[in-house]
Amino acid sequence: MANETKKDFQAMLLDNRDMPRIQIVTDPAVIRKYGGSRMYFAPPIEYDRVMRQVPRGQVVTVGDIRQLLAKQNGADFTDPLTAGIFVQIAAWACEQRGDRETPYWRTLKTNGELNPKYPGGTEAQKALLECEGHTVIRKGRSQIRYFVKNFEAVRFAWGDGTESGPRKA
């Protein structure tokens, strides 16, 4: 997203458009890739609601959130494109409010990667995660990326039986 300081992310967070809704997908390649034809579109506020549930010291991935929302809404999968955008909207709305009610820094990309599109980029997310006891490691030489070390061990599991990963001991 560009010009984040000029956008009203709180308004974007509350804009449901035509969501929630389920769309039936007919493309065989998509059905194979995601394991079904029922694609759920969740509004941005749903991503914010789920992100608020992740406690200090634990993390989730955008994929974990997508899986939870699909399961809760009787779908096979959740739209991956809007998921990435709506997680960013939730992060920027939190930043604009000046609170920490949505601990967006605990929501990671695939394989525990930090999200450079969050407020302050990976450096800010890294600092917030390290304050909570996580170790962040750097990978790459020319394209540097950051990951939470052993993120699988601290993945949050929802209380409704939907597991995003093992519970922290």
C-alpha atoms as a PDB file:
ATOM      1  CA  MET A   1       0.000   0.000   0.000  1.00  0.00           C
ATOM      2  CA  ALA A   2       1.224   3.469  -0.767  1.00  0.00           C
ATOM      3  CA  ASN A   3       0.680   6.741   1.123  1.00  0.00           C
ATOM      4  CA  GLU A   4      -0.425   5.011   4.324  1.00  0.00           C
ATOM      5  CA  THR A   5      -0.399   8.276   6.269  1.00  0.00           C
ATOM      6  CA  LYS A   6      -3.076   9.738   3.985  1.00  0.00           C
ATOM      7  CA  LYS A   7      -5.523   6.830   4.197  1.00  0.00           C
ATOM      8  CA  ASP A   8      -8.291   6.253   6.724  1.00  0.00           C
ATOM      9  CA  PHE A   9      -7.642   2.644   7.662  1.00  0.00           C
ATOM     10  CA  GLN A  10     -10.319   2.628  10.360  1.00  0.00           C
ATOM     11  CA  ALA A  11     -12.917   3.385   7.674  1.00  0.00           C
ATOM     12  CA  MET A  12     -11.442   0.638   5.484  1.00  0.00           C
ATOM     13  CA  LEU A  13     -11.574  -1.776   8.422  1.00  0.00           C
ATOM     14  CA  LEU A  14     -15.293  -1.123   8.883  1.00  0.00           C
ATOM     15  CA  ASP A  15     -16.159  -1.263   5.161  1.00  0.00           C
ATOM     16  CA  ASN A  16     -17.880  -4.616   4.591  1.00  0.00           C
ATOM     17  CA  ARG A  17     -18.638  -4.065   0.902  1.00  0.00           C
ATOM     18  CA  ASP A  18     -20.475  -7.222  -0.115  1.00  0.00           C
ATOM     19  CA  MET A  19     -18.911  -9.440   2.526  1.00  0.00           C
ATOM     20  CA  PRO A  20     -19.163 -11.888   4.130  1.00  0.00           C
ATOM     21  CA  ARG A  21     -20.037 -14.166   1.267  1.00  0.00           C
ATOM     22  CA  ILE A  22     -19.187 -17.522  -0.247  1.00  0.00           C
ATOM     23  CA  GLN A  23     -18.394 -17.847  -3.921  1.00  0.00           C
ATOM     24  CA  ILE A  24     -18.403 -21.146  -5.783  1.00  0.00           C
ATOM     25  CA  VAL A  25     -15.193 -21.636  -7.769  1.00  0.00           C
ATOM     26  CA  THR A  26     -15.291 -23.767 -10.915  1.00  0.00           C
ATOM     27  CA  ASP A  27     -11.650 -23.694 -12.014  1.00  0.00           C
ATOM     28  CA  PRO A  28     -10.320 -27.264 -11.516  1.00  0.00           C
ATOM     29  CA  ALA A  29      -6.792 -26.009 -10.765  1.00  0.00           C
ATOM     30  CA  VAL A  30      -8.063 -23.742  -7.965  1.00  0.00           C
ATOM     31  CA  ILE A  31     -10.264 -26.514  -6.568  1.00  0.00           C
ATOM     32  CA  ARG A  32      -7.254 -28.872  -6.523  1.00  0.00           C
ATOM     33  CA  LYS A  33      -4.957 -26.274  -4.967  1.00  0.00           C
ATOM     34  CA  TYR A  34      -7.317 -25.270  -2.147  1.00  0.00           C
ATOM     35  CA  GLY A  35      -9.201 -28.524  -1.646  1.00  0.00           C
ATOM     36  CA  GLY A  36     -12.701 -27.462  -2.586  1.00  0.00           C
ATOM     37  CA  SER A  37     -14.955 -25.095  -4.459  1.00  0.00           C
ATOM     38  CA  ARG A  38     -16.427 -22.959  -1.653  1.00  0.00           C
ATOM     39  CA  MET A  39     -14.315 -19.783  -1.304  1.00  0.00           C
ATOM     40  CA  TYR A  40     -15.129 -17.504   1.633  1.00  0.00           C
ATOM     41  CA  PHE A  41     -14.690 -13.737   1.502  1.00  0.00           C
ATOM     42  CA  ALA A  42     -14.408 -12.325   5.016  1.00  0.00           C
ATOM     43  CA  PRO A  43     -14.715  -8.580   5.661  1.00  0.00           C
ATOM     44  CA  PRO A  44     -11.662  -6.767   7.068  1.00  0.00           C
ATOM     45  CA  ILE A  45     -13.144  -6.503  10.574  1.00  0.00           C
ATOM     46  CA  GLU A  46     -13.203 -10.314  10.808  1.00  0.00           C
ATOM     47  CA  TYR A  47      -9.440 -10.454  10.344  1.00  0.00           C
ATOM     48  CA  ASP A  48      -9.055  -7.798  13.027  1.00  0.00           C
ATOM     49  CA  ARG A  49     -11.326  -9.783  15.393  1.00  0.00           C
ATOM     50  CA  VAL A  50      -9.273 -12.947  14.943  1.00  0.00           C
ATOM     51  CA  MET A  51      -5.929 -11.146  15.236  1.00  0.00           C
ATOM     52  CA  ARG A  52      -7.020  -9.735  18.617  1.00  0.00           C
ATOM     53  CA  GLN A  53      -7.337 -13.276  19.995  1.00  0.00           C
ATOM     54  CA  VAL A  54      -3.639 -14.130  19.676  1.00  0.00           C
ATOM     55  CA  PRO A  55      -2.066 -13.824  23.143  1.00  0.00           C
ATOM     56  CA  ARG A  56       1.321 -12.421  24.048  1.00  0.00           C
ATOM     57  CA  GLY A  57       4.112 -14.879  23.325  1.00  0.00           C
ATOM     58  CA  GLN A  58       2.227 -16.687  20.576  1.00  0.00           C
ATOM     59  CA  VAL A  59       1.901 -16.146  16.831  1.00  0.00           C
ATOM     60  CA  VAL A  60      -0.261 -17.151  13.865  1.00  0.00           C
ATOM     61  CA  THR A  61       0.133 -16.975  10.132  1.00  0.00           C
ATOM     62  CA  VAL A  62      -2.242 -15.348   7.679  1.00  0.00           C
ATOM     63  CA  GLY A  63      -2.881 -18.896   6.448  1.00  0.00           C
ATOM     64  CA  ASP A  64      -3.928 -19.968   9.951  1.00  0.00           C
ATOM     65  CA  ILE A  65      -6.460 -17.137  10.068  1.00  0.00           C
ATOM     66  CA  ARG A  66      -7.744 -18.017   6.605  1.00  0.00           C
ATOM     67  CA  GLN A  67      -8.192 -21.636   7.655  1.00  0.00           C
ATOM     68  CA  LEU A  68     -10.077 -20.648  10.813  1.00  0.00           C
ATOM     69  CA  LEU A  69     -12.419 -18.280   8.981  1.00  0.00           C
ATOM     70  CA  ALA A  70     -13.161 -20.861   6.292  1.00  0.00           C
ATOM     71  CA  LYS A  71     -13.964 -23.510   8.897  1.00  0.00           C
ATOM     72  CA  GLN A  72     -16.155 -21.166  10.944  1.00  0.00           C
ATOM     73  CA  ASN A  73     -18.140 -20.211   7.855  1.00  0.00           C
ATOM     74  CA  GLY A  74     -18.622 -23.560   6.134  1.00  0.00           C
ATOM     75  CA  ALA A  75     -16.199 -22.903   3.294  1.00  0.00           C
ATOM     76  CA  ASP A  76     -13.320 -24.902   1.870  1.00  0.00           C
ATOM     77  CA  PHE A  77     -10.915 -21.971   1.857  1.00  0.00           C
ATOM     78  CA  THR A  78     -10.703 -18.214   2.229  1.00  0.00           C
ATOM     79  CA  ASP A  79      -9.656 -15.854  -0.552  1.00  0.00           C
ATOM     80  CA  PRO A  80      -5.877 -15.434  -0.218  1.00  0.00           C
ATOM     81  CA  LEU A  81      -5.631 -12.052  -1.963  1.00  0.00           C
ATOM     82  CA  THR A  82      -8.137 -10.205   0.221  1.00  0.00           C
ATOM     83  CA  ALA A  83      -6.739 -11.943   3.313  1.00  0.00           C
ATOM     84  CA  GLY A  84      -3.314 -10.369   2.830  1.00  0.00           C
ATOM     85  CA  ILE A  85      -4.788  -6.954   2.168  1.00  0.00           C
ATOM     86  CA  PHE A  86      -7.218  -7.089   5.103  1.00  0.00           C
ATOM     87  CA  VAL A  87      -4.518  -8.166   7.574  1.00  0.00           C
ATOM     88  CA  GLN A  88      -2.537  -5.089   6.507  1.00  0.00           C
ATOM     89  CA  ILE A  89      -5.600  -2.879   6.906  1.00  0.00           C
ATOM     90  CA  ALA A  90      -6.090  -4.202  10.454  1.00  0.00           C
ATOM     91  CA  ALA A  91      -2.435  -3.445  11.236  1.00  0.00           C
ATOM     92  CA  TRP A  92      -2.546   0.092   9.870  1.00  0.00           C
ATOM     93  CA  ALA A  93      -5.897   0.818  11.563  1.00  0.00           C
ATOM     94  CA  CYS A  94      -4.354  -0.188  14.890  1.00  0.00           C
ATOM     95  CA  GLU A  95      -1.379   2.065  14.222  1.00  0.00           C
ATOM     96  CA  GLN A  96      -3.617   5.011  13.322  1.00  0.00           C
ATOM     97  CA  ARG A  97      -5.684   4.534  16.489  1.00  0.00           C
ATOM     98  CA  GLY A  98      -2.488   4.613  18.511  1.00  0.00           C
ATOM     99  CA  ASP A  99      -3.439   1.597  20.588  1.00  0.00           C
ATOM    100  CA  ARG A 100      -2.273  -1.986  20.805  1.00  0.00           C
ATOM    101  CA  GLU A 101      -5.728  -3.610  20.823  1.00  0.00           C
ATOM    102  CA  THR A 102      -4.923  -5.520  17.636  1.00  0.00           C
ATOM    103  CA  PRO A 103      -1.514  -7.157  18.129  1.00  0.00           C
ATOM    104  CA  TYR A 104      -0.909  -7.353  14.400  1.00  0.00           C
ATOM    105  CA  TRP A 105       2.814  -8.051  14.844  1.00  0.00           C
ATOM    106  CA  ARG A 106       1.853 -11.557  16.034  1.00  0.00           C
ATOM    107  CA  THR A 107       0.397 -12.359  12.591  1.00  0.00           C
ATOM    108  CA  LEU A 108       3.126 -13.671  10.324  1.00  0.00           C
ATOM    109  CA  LYS A 109       3.396 -14.621   6.697  1.00  0.00           C
ATOM    110  CA  THR A 110       3.937 -18.217   5.561  1.00  0.00           C
ATOM    111  CA  ASN A 111       6.704 -20.122   7.355  1.00  0.00           C
ATOM    112  CA  GLY A 112       6.916 -17.545  10.135  1.00  0.00           C
ATOM    113  CA  GLU A 113       8.121 -14.672   7.971  1.00  0.00           C
ATOM    114  CA  LEU A 114       7.725 -11.082   9.163  1.00  0.00           C
ATOM    115  CA  ASN A 115       5.578  -8.757   7.056  1.00  0.00           C
ATOM    116  CA  PRO A 116       7.411  -5.764   5.554  1.00  0.00           C
ATOM    117  CA  LYS A 117       4.063  -4.103   4.748  1.00  0.00           C
ATOM    118  CA  TYR A 118       3.119  -3.589   8.401  1.00  0.00           C
ATOM    119  CA  PRO A 119       3.610  -0.162  10.031  1.00  0.00           C
ATOM    120  CA  GLY A 120       7.330   0.422  10.497  1.00  0.00           C
ATOM    121  CA  GLY A 121       8.200  -2.550   8.296  1.00  0.00           C
ATOM    122  CA  THR A 122      10.022  -5.636   9.482  1.00  0.00           C
ATOM    123  CA  GLU A 123      12.219  -3.661  11.900  1.00  0.00           C
ATOM    124  CA  ALA A 124       9.219  -2.502  13.936  1.00  0.00           C
ATOM    125  CA  GLN A 125       7.588  -5.937  13.863  1.00  0.00           C
ATOM    126  CA  LYS A 126      10.903  -7.519  14.861  1.00  0.00           C
ATOM    127  CA  ALA A 127      11.242  -5.199  17.859  1.00  0.00           C
ATOM    128  CA  LEU A 128       7.679  -5.911  19.043  1.00  0.00           C
ATOM    129  CA  LEU A 129       8.133  -9.678  18.703  1.00  0.00           C
ATOM    130  CA  GLU A 130      11.481  -9.610  20.509  1.00  0.00           C
ATOM    131  CA  CYS A 131       9.877  -7.661  23.368  1.00  0.00           C
ATOM    132  CA  GLU A 132       7.526 -10.631  23.754  1.00  0.00           C
ATOM    133  CA  GLY A 133      10.405 -13.105  23.950  1.00  0.00           C
ATOM    134  CA  HIS A 134      10.608 -14.329  20.348  1.00  0.00           C
ATOM    135  CA  THR A 135      13.897 -14.758  18.528  1.00  0.00           C
ATOM    136  CA  VAL A 136      13.898 -13.281  15.027  1.00  0.00           C
ATOM    137  CA  ILE A 137      16.427 -14.572  12.527  1.00  0.00           C
ATOM    138  CA  ARG A 138      17.663 -13.013   9.301  1.00  0.00           C
ATOM    139  CA  LYS A 139      17.893 -14.990   6.067  1.00  0.00           C
ATOM    140  CA  GLY A 140      19.312 -14.062   2.688  1.00  0.00           C
ATOM    141  CA  ARG A 141      22.113 -11.886   1.383  1.00  0.00           C
ATOM    142  CA  SER A 142      20.657  -9.689  -1.314  1.00  0.00           C
ATOM    143  CA  GLN A 143      16.986 -10.133  -0.462  1.00  0.00           C
ATOM    144  CA  ILE A 144      17.002 -10.081   3.312  1.00  0.00           C
ATOM    145  CA  ARG A 145      13.972 -11.569   5.037  1.00  0.00           C
ATOM    146  CA  TYR A 146      13.196 -12.076   8.727  1.00  0.00           C
ATOM    147  CA  PHE A 147      11.544 -15.066  10.407  1.00  0.00           C
ATOM    148  CA  VAL A 148      10.456 -15.999  13.921  1.00  0.00           C
ATOM    149  CA  LYS A 149      12.766 -18.815  14.967  1.00  0.00           C
ATOM    150  CA  ASN A 150      10.861 -22.043  15.653  1.00  0.00           C
ATOM    151  CA  PHE A 151       7.538 -20.279  15.120  1.00  0.00           C
ATOM    152  CA  GLU A 152       5.735 -23.628  14.966  1.00  0.00           C
ATOM    153  CA  ALA A 153       6.431 -24.122  18.679  1.00  0.00           C
ATOM    154  CA  VAL A 154       4.581 -20.918  19.610  1.00  0.00           C
ATOM    155  CA  ARG A 155       1.671 -21.044  17.155  1.00  0.00           C
ATOM    156  CA  PHE A 156      -1.639 -20.182  18.726  1.00  0.00           C
ATOM    157  CA  ALA A 157      -4.501 -22.710  18.782  1.00  0.00           C
ATOM    158  CA  TRP A 158      -8.077 -21.462  18.963  1.00  0.00           C
ATOM    159  CA  GLY A 159     -10.333 -22.768  21.724  1.00  0.00           C
ATOM    160  CA  ASP A 160     -12.989 -24.072  19.308  1.00  0.00           C
ATOM    161  CA  GLY A 161     -10.848 -27.030  18.296  1.00  0.00           C
ATOM    162  CA  THR A 162      -9.397 -25.305  15.253  1.00  0.00           C
ATOM    163  CA  GLU A 163      -5.697 -25.854  15.547  1.00  0.00           C
ATOM    164  CA  SER A 164      -3.311 -23.516  13.812  1.00  0.00           C
ATOM    165  CA  GLY A 165      -0.379 -25.398  15.245  1.00  0.00           C
ATOM    166  CA  PRO A 166       0.786 -26.891  18.518  1.00  0.00           C
ATOM    167  CA  ARG A 167      -0.030 -25.055  21.716  1.00  0.00           C
ATOM    168  CA  LYS A 168       2.807 -23.404  23.565  1.00  0.00           C
ATOM    169  CA  ALA A 169       3.849 -25.554  26.511  1.00  0.00           C
END
